[in-house]
Amino acid sequence: MAGTGVGMTWRGGAMRSRSAFTLVEIAVVMLIIGIMATLFIPRLPDIGSWRLKSSARKLAHSIGAVYDKAATSKLVYRMTVDFAENSYYFSLLNTDGSFEKRDILLAKETRLPDGLKFLSVQLPGQGKVEQGEAHIHFFPSGYAEFSAIELGGDGDKSFTLIVHPLTGRVKIMDGYQEIGQRADAMAIAQAG
């Protein structure tokens, strides 16, 4: 006798439920999963690019927080970019003229994620720094040293963060941006 219902079979005069999938059913499900993966996986964002953008945003927020802290506390702060460690941290100028590392709310010592690195820091007075340490100062008068920080990943993708000296605002731009002379650099920082 033929089966009388979905998932039910007649065996030996008694009706029993079927407890396994057929090879055809499994193949159809695998085919559907394969088609869906082919359609949707290429549309997912590149994880490395996402991490780079996220790190650039985090750094921009930290710079803004230190700029605000220097202006409201009327103290001098400094950001140090350490190329060897791929990290950055913030320091406070003490009365003896030395800088002491400080964690500030929203601006803590941070190491870049694996695969990301600092490529350069541009400062008008020092030029382009690509190794050792670079320092960006934030002054109590509400002024920051004009600078550009380039972050990169394993691929060709990079972002340049341009720090506006009068507002502390950080503009994140695709690729390497040469800040050049102060007048040209100010126009880049204010654009957009």
C-alpha atoms as a PDB file:
ATOM      1  CA  MET A   1       0.000   0.000   0.000  1.00  0.00           C
ATOM      2  CA  ALA A   2       1.149   3.510  -0.698  1.00  0.00           C
ATOM      3  CA  GLY A   3       1.881   6.081   1.982  1.00  0.00           C
ATOM      4  CA  THR A   4      -1.213   7.758   3.368  1.00  0.00           C
ATOM      5  CA  GLY A   5       0.223  11.062   4.546  1.00  0.00           C
ATOM      6  CA  VAL A   6       3.201  13.328   4.574  1.00  0.00           C
ATOM      7  CA  GLY A   7       5.927  11.775   6.677  1.00  0.00           C
ATOM      8  CA  MET A   8       3.962   8.580   7.230  1.00  0.00           C
ATOM      9  CA  THR A   9       4.550   5.140   5.693  1.00  0.00           C
ATOM     10  CA  TRP A  10       2.799   1.771   5.837  1.00  0.00           C
ATOM     11  CA  ARG A  11       5.039  -1.046   7.003  1.00  0.00           C
ATOM     12  CA  GLY A  12       3.920  -4.466   8.008  1.00  0.00           C
ATOM     13  CA  GLY A  13       0.279  -3.484   8.388  1.00  0.00           C
ATOM     14  CA  ALA A  14       1.024  -0.572  10.775  1.00  0.00           C
ATOM     15  CA  MET A  15       1.462   3.103  10.059  1.00  0.00           C
ATOM     16  CA  ARG A  16       4.870   4.492  11.162  1.00  0.00           C
ATOM     17  CA  SER A  17       6.328   7.990  10.972  1.00  0.00           C
ATOM     18  CA  ARG A  18       9.414   8.547   8.849  1.00  0.00           C
ATOM     19  CA  SER A  19      12.406   9.718  10.937  1.00  0.00           C
ATOM     20  CA  ALA A  20      15.011  10.565   8.288  1.00  0.00           C
ATOM     21  CA  PHE A  21      15.453  12.828   5.264  1.00  0.00           C
ATOM     22  CA  THR A  22      16.019  11.434   1.803  1.00  0.00           C
ATOM     23  CA  LEU A  23      19.148  12.192  -0.139  1.00  0.00           C
ATOM     24  CA  VAL A  24      17.110  14.283  -2.591  1.00  0.00           C
ATOM     25  CA  GLU A  25      15.707  16.477   0.213  1.00  0.00           C
ATOM     26  CA  ILE A  26      19.190  17.100   1.624  1.00  0.00           C
ATOM     27  CA  ALA A  27      20.547  17.937  -1.847  1.00  0.00           C
ATOM     28  CA  VAL A  28      17.743  20.475  -2.448  1.00  0.00           C
ATOM     29  CA  VAL A  29      18.403  22.203   0.895  1.00  0.00           C
ATOM     30  CA  MET A  30      22.164  22.347   0.161  1.00  0.00           C
ATOM     31  CA  LEU A  31      21.446  23.815  -3.274  1.00  0.00           C
ATOM     32  CA  ILE A  32      19.254  26.543  -1.769  1.00  0.00           C
ATOM     33  CA  ILE A  33      21.925  27.402   0.853  1.00  0.00           C
ATOM     34  CA  GLY A  34      24.575  27.540  -1.874  1.00  0.00           C
ATOM     35  CA  ILE A  35      22.514  29.905  -4.021  1.00  0.00           C
ATOM     36  CA  MET A  36      21.811  32.191  -1.064  1.00  0.00           C
ATOM     37  CA  ALA A  37      25.506  32.278  -0.079  1.00  0.00           C
ATOM     38  CA  THR A  38      26.486  33.145  -3.651  1.00  0.00           C
ATOM     39  CA  LEU A  39      24.037  36.043  -3.674  1.00  0.00           C
ATOM     40  CA  PHE A  40      24.646  37.540  -0.233  1.00  0.00           C
ATOM     41  CA  ILE A  41      28.269  36.916   0.839  1.00  0.00           C
ATOM     42  CA  PRO A  42      29.856  39.198  -1.815  1.00  0.00           C
ATOM     43  CA  ARG A  43      27.664  42.032  -0.509  1.00  0.00           C
ATOM     44  CA  LEU A  44      29.088  41.868   3.018  1.00  0.00           C
ATOM     45  CA  PRO A  45      31.523  44.695   3.840  1.00  0.00           C
ATOM     46  CA  ASP A  46      35.244  44.076   3.865  1.00  0.00           C
ATOM     47  CA  ILE A  47      36.130  43.383   7.514  1.00  0.00           C
ATOM     48  CA  GLY A  48      39.621  44.934   7.227  1.00  0.00           C
ATOM     49  CA  SER A  49      38.229  48.150   5.773  1.00  0.00           C
ATOM     50  CA  TRP A  50      35.555  48.251   8.458  1.00  0.00           C
ATOM     51  CA  ARG A  51      38.173  47.869  11.233  1.00  0.00           C
ATOM     52  CA  LEU A  52      40.288  50.631   9.681  1.00  0.00           C
ATOM     53  CA  LYS A  53      37.336  53.031   9.494  1.00  0.00           C
ATOM     54  CA  SER A  54      36.286  52.138  13.036  1.00  0.00           C
ATOM     55  CA  SER A  55      39.811  52.796  14.367  1.00  0.00           C
ATOM     56  CA  ALA A  56      39.937  56.127  12.510  1.00  0.00           C
ATOM     57  CA  ARG A  57      36.627  57.180  14.077  1.00  0.00           C
ATOM     58  CA  LYS A  58      37.745  56.130  17.548  1.00  0.00           C
ATOM     59  CA  LEU A  59      40.964  58.144  17.172  1.00  0.00           C
ATOM     60  CA  ALA A  60      39.004  61.172  15.914  1.00  0.00           C
ATOM     61  CA  HIS A  61      36.707  61.005  18.973  1.00  0.00           C
ATOM     62  CA  SER A  62      39.709  60.706  21.306  1.00  0.00           C
ATOM     63  CA  ILE A  63      41.360  63.764  19.727  1.00  0.00           C
ATOM     64  CA  GLY A  64      38.137  65.755  20.112  1.00  0.00           C
ATOM     65  CA  ALA A  65      37.856  64.714  23.769  1.00  0.00           C
ATOM     66  CA  VAL A  66      41.443  65.804  24.533  1.00  0.00           C
ATOM     67  CA  TYR A  67      40.963  69.101  22.689  1.00  0.00           C
ATOM     68  CA  ASP A  68      37.881  69.790  24.849  1.00  0.00           C
ATOM     69  CA  LYS A  69      39.676  68.707  28.038  1.00  0.00           C
ATOM     70  CA  ALA A  70      42.627  71.036  27.352  1.00  0.00           C
ATOM     71  CA  ALA A  71      40.313  73.986  26.670  1.00  0.00           C
ATOM     72  CA  THR A  72      38.041  73.439  29.691  1.00  0.00           C
ATOM     73  CA  SER A  73      40.770  72.565  32.206  1.00  0.00           C
ATOM     74  CA  LYS A  74      43.159  75.284  30.944  1.00  0.00           C
ATOM     75  CA  LEU A  75      45.993  72.728  30.831  1.00  0.00           C
ATOM     76  CA  VAL A  76      48.359  71.542  28.084  1.00  0.00           C
ATOM     77  CA  TYR A  77      47.851  68.009  26.797  1.00  0.00           C
ATOM     78  CA  ARG A  78      49.864  66.041  24.273  1.00  0.00           C
ATOM     79  CA  MET A  79      48.991  63.098  22.068  1.00  0.00           C
ATOM     80  CA  THR A  80      51.846  60.708  21.316  1.00  0.00           C
ATOM     81  CA  VAL A  81      51.742  58.420  18.292  1.00  0.00           C
ATOM     82  CA  ASP A  82      54.154  55.519  18.797  1.00  0.00           C
ATOM     83  CA  PHE A  83      54.954  53.969  15.401  1.00  0.00           C
ATOM     84  CA  ALA A  84      56.855  50.981  16.836  1.00  0.00           C
ATOM     85  CA  GLU A  85      53.957  49.928  19.069  1.00  0.00           C
ATOM     86  CA  ASN A  86      51.168  51.087  16.712  1.00  0.00           C
ATOM     87  CA  SER A  87      49.611  52.872  19.646  1.00  0.00           C
ATOM     88  CA  TYR A  88      48.678  56.328  20.853  1.00  0.00           C
ATOM     89  CA  TYR A  89      48.303  57.848  24.277  1.00  0.00           C
ATOM     90  CA  PHE A  90      47.722  61.200  25.928  1.00  0.00           C
ATOM     91  CA  SER A  91      49.836  63.091  28.460  1.00  0.00           C
ATOM     92  CA  LEU A  92      49.406  66.120  30.689  1.00  0.00           C
ATOM     93  CA  LEU A  93      52.106  68.800  31.059  1.00  0.00           C
ATOM     94  CA  ASN A  94      53.224  68.933  34.700  1.00  0.00           C
ATOM     95  CA  THR A  95      54.503  72.033  36.513  1.00  0.00           C
ATOM     96  CA  ASP A  96      58.086  70.728  36.190  1.00  0.00           C
ATOM     97  CA  GLY A  97      57.801  70.794  32.384  1.00  0.00           C
ATOM     98  CA  SER A  98      57.511  67.021  31.881  1.00  0.00           C
ATOM     99  CA  PHE A  99      54.569  65.147  30.400  1.00  0.00           C
ATOM    100  CA  GLU A 100      52.780  62.458  32.424  1.00  0.00           C
ATOM    101  CA  LYS A 101      50.625  59.795  30.749  1.00  0.00           C
ATOM    102  CA  ARG A 102      46.952  60.230  31.544  1.00  0.00           C
ATOM    103  CA  ASP A 103      43.810  58.375  30.606  1.00  0.00           C
ATOM    104  CA  ILE A 104      41.029  60.821  29.925  1.00  0.00           C
ATOM    105  CA  LEU A 105      37.371  59.940  29.612  1.00  0.00           C
ATOM    106  CA  LEU A 106      36.916  58.857  25.944  1.00  0.00           C
ATOM    107  CA  ALA A 107      40.675  59.176  25.319  1.00  0.00           C
ATOM    108  CA  LYS A 108      42.594  56.237  26.723  1.00  0.00           C
ATOM    109  CA  GLU A 109      45.874  54.660  25.702  1.00  0.00           C
ATOM    110  CA  THR A 110      45.040  52.553  22.654  1.00  0.00           C
ATOM    111  CA  ARG A 111      46.882  50.026  20.519  1.00  0.00           C
ATOM    112  CA  LEU A 112      45.625  49.640  16.952  1.00  0.00           C
ATOM    113  CA  PRO A 113      44.088  46.251  16.077  1.00  0.00           C
ATOM    114  CA  ASP A 114      46.283  43.673  14.343  1.00  0.00           C
ATOM    115  CA  GLY A 115      46.734  44.429  10.661  1.00  0.00           C
ATOM    116  CA  LEU A 116      46.395  48.219  11.139  1.00  0.00           C
ATOM    117  CA  LYS A 117      49.216  50.705  11.574  1.00  0.00           C
ATOM    118  CA  PHE A 118      50.145  54.354  11.659  1.00  0.00           C
ATOM    119  CA  LEU A 119      51.718  55.268   8.328  1.00  0.00           C
ATOM    120  CA  SER A 120      52.647  58.897   9.021  1.00  0.00           C
ATOM    121  CA  VAL A 121      51.944  62.036  11.033  1.00  0.00           C
ATOM    122  CA  GLN A 122      52.363  65.423   9.353  1.00  0.00           C
ATOM    123  CA  LEU A 123      53.099  68.490  11.460  1.00  0.00           C
ATOM    124  CA  PRO A 124      53.903  71.861   9.829  1.00  0.00           C
ATOM    125  CA  GLY A 125      56.889  72.441  12.113  1.00  0.00           C
ATOM    126  CA  GLN A 126      58.314  68.907  11.884  1.00  0.00           C
ATOM    127  CA  GLY A 127      57.241  67.724   8.447  1.00  0.00           C
ATOM    128  CA  LYS A 128      56.261  64.108   7.860  1.00  0.00           C
ATOM    129  CA  VAL A 129      57.114  61.691  10.686  1.00  0.00           C
ATOM    130  CA  GLU A 130      57.056  57.969   9.825  1.00  0.00           C
ATOM    131  CA  GLN A 131      58.977  56.302  12.654  1.00  0.00           C
ATOM    132  CA  GLY A 132      59.686  56.713  16.348  1.00  0.00           C
ATOM    133  CA  GLU A 133      57.153  59.017  17.990  1.00  0.00           C
ATOM    134  CA  ALA A 134      55.162  62.026  16.854  1.00  0.00           C
ATOM    135  CA  HIS A 135      53.589  64.536  19.259  1.00  0.00           C
ATOM    136  CA  ILE A 136      50.521  66.704  18.768  1.00  0.00           C
ATOM    137  CA  HIS A 137      49.885  69.369  21.410  1.00  0.00           C
ATOM    138  CA  PHE A 138      46.552  70.706  22.670  1.00  0.00           C
ATOM    139  CA  PHE A 139      46.696  74.098  24.387  1.00  0.00           C
ATOM    140  CA  PRO A 140      44.527  75.699  27.100  1.00  0.00           C
ATOM    141  CA  SER A 141      43.532  78.538  24.764  1.00  0.00           C
ATOM    142  CA  GLY A 142      41.469  76.102  22.671  1.00  0.00           C
ATOM    143  CA  TYR A 143      44.149  75.566  20.044  1.00  0.00           C
ATOM    144  CA  ALA A 144      45.604  72.304  18.723  1.00  0.00           C
ATOM    145  CA  GLU A 145      48.648  71.818  16.542  1.00  0.00           C
ATOM    146  CA  PHE A 146      47.529  71.487  12.954  1.00  0.00           C
ATOM    147  CA  SER A 147      48.299  67.909  11.936  1.00  0.00           C
ATOM    148  CA  ALA A 148      47.389  64.980   9.725  1.00  0.00           C
ATOM    149  CA  ILE A 149      47.537  61.361  10.860  1.00  0.00           C
ATOM    150  CA  GLU A 150      47.502  58.564   8.278  1.00  0.00           C
ATOM    151  CA  LEU A 151      46.228  55.102   9.255  1.00  0.00           C
ATOM    152  CA  GLY A 152      46.525  52.091   6.973  1.00  0.00           C
ATOM    153  CA  GLY A 153      45.759  48.411   6.835  1.00  0.00           C
ATOM    154  CA  ASP A 154      47.190  45.344   5.161  1.00  0.00           C
ATOM    155  CA  GLY A 155      45.832  46.401   1.768  1.00  0.00           C
ATOM    156  CA  ASP A 156      46.110  49.686  -0.092  1.00  0.00           C
ATOM    157  CA  LYS A 157      43.292  51.334   1.878  1.00  0.00           C
ATOM    158  CA  SER A 158      44.210  54.222   4.179  1.00  0.00           C
ATOM    159  CA  PHE A 159      42.573  57.191   5.874  1.00  0.00           C
ATOM    160  CA  THR A 160      44.045  60.568   6.803  1.00  0.00           C
ATOM    161  CA  LEU A 161      42.708  62.329   9.892  1.00  0.00           C
ATOM    162  CA  ILE A 162      43.180  66.088   9.659  1.00  0.00           C
ATOM    163  CA  VAL A 163      43.040  67.972  12.973  1.00  0.00           C
ATOM    164  CA  HIS A 164      41.696  71.519  12.663  1.00  0.00           C
ATOM    165  CA  PRO A 165      43.656  73.762  15.063  1.00  0.00           C
ATOM    166  CA  LEU A 166      40.881  76.198  16.005  1.00  0.00           C
ATOM    167  CA  THR A 167      38.002  73.813  16.546  1.00  0.00           C
ATOM    168  CA  GLY A 168      39.658  70.494  17.359  1.00  0.00           C
ATOM    169  CA  ARG A 169      37.379  68.975  14.744  1.00  0.00           C
ATOM    170  CA  VAL A 170      38.859  65.967  12.954  1.00  0.00           C
ATOM    171  CA  LYS A 171      38.087  65.326   9.311  1.00  0.00           C
ATOM    172  CA  ILE A 172      38.548  61.743   8.086  1.00  0.00           C
ATOM    173  CA  MET A 173      39.520  61.558   4.420  1.00  0.00           C
ATOM    174  CA  ASP A 174      40.138  58.582   2.122  1.00  0.00           C
ATOM    175  CA  GLY A 175      43.763  57.882   1.234  1.00  0.00           C
ATOM    176  CA  TYR A 176      46.862  59.910   1.906  1.00  0.00           C
ATOM    177  CA  GLN A 177      46.376  63.684   2.096  1.00  0.00           C
ATOM    178  CA  GLU A 178      49.366  66.013   2.015  1.00  0.00           C
ATOM    179  CA  ILE A 179      48.652  69.007   4.238  1.00  0.00           C
ATOM    180  CA  GLY A 180      51.494  71.083   2.765  1.00  0.00           C
ATOM    181  CA  GLN A 181      51.559  74.748   3.634  1.00  0.00           C
ATOM    182  CA  ARG A 182      49.335  76.056   6.402  1.00  0.00           C
ATOM    183  CA  ALA A 183      46.951  78.035   4.134  1.00  0.00           C
ATOM    184  CA  ASP A 184      46.340  75.064   1.829  1.00  0.00           C
ATOM    185  CA  ALA A 185      45.944  72.744   4.787  1.00  0.00           C
ATOM    186  CA  MET A 186      43.375  74.972   6.477  1.00  0.00           C
ATOM    187  CA  ALA A 187      41.292  74.926   3.284  1.00  0.00           C
ATOM    188  CA  ILE A 188      41.381  71.093   3.279  1.00  0.00           C
ATOM    189  CA  ALA A 189      40.413  70.951   6.957  1.00  0.00           C
ATOM    190  CA  GLN A 190      37.485  73.349   6.494  1.00  0.00           C
ATOM    191  CA  ALA A 191      36.197  71.751   3.279  1.00  0.00           C
ATOM    192  CA  GLY A 192      33.235  69.465   3.629  1.00  0.00           C
END
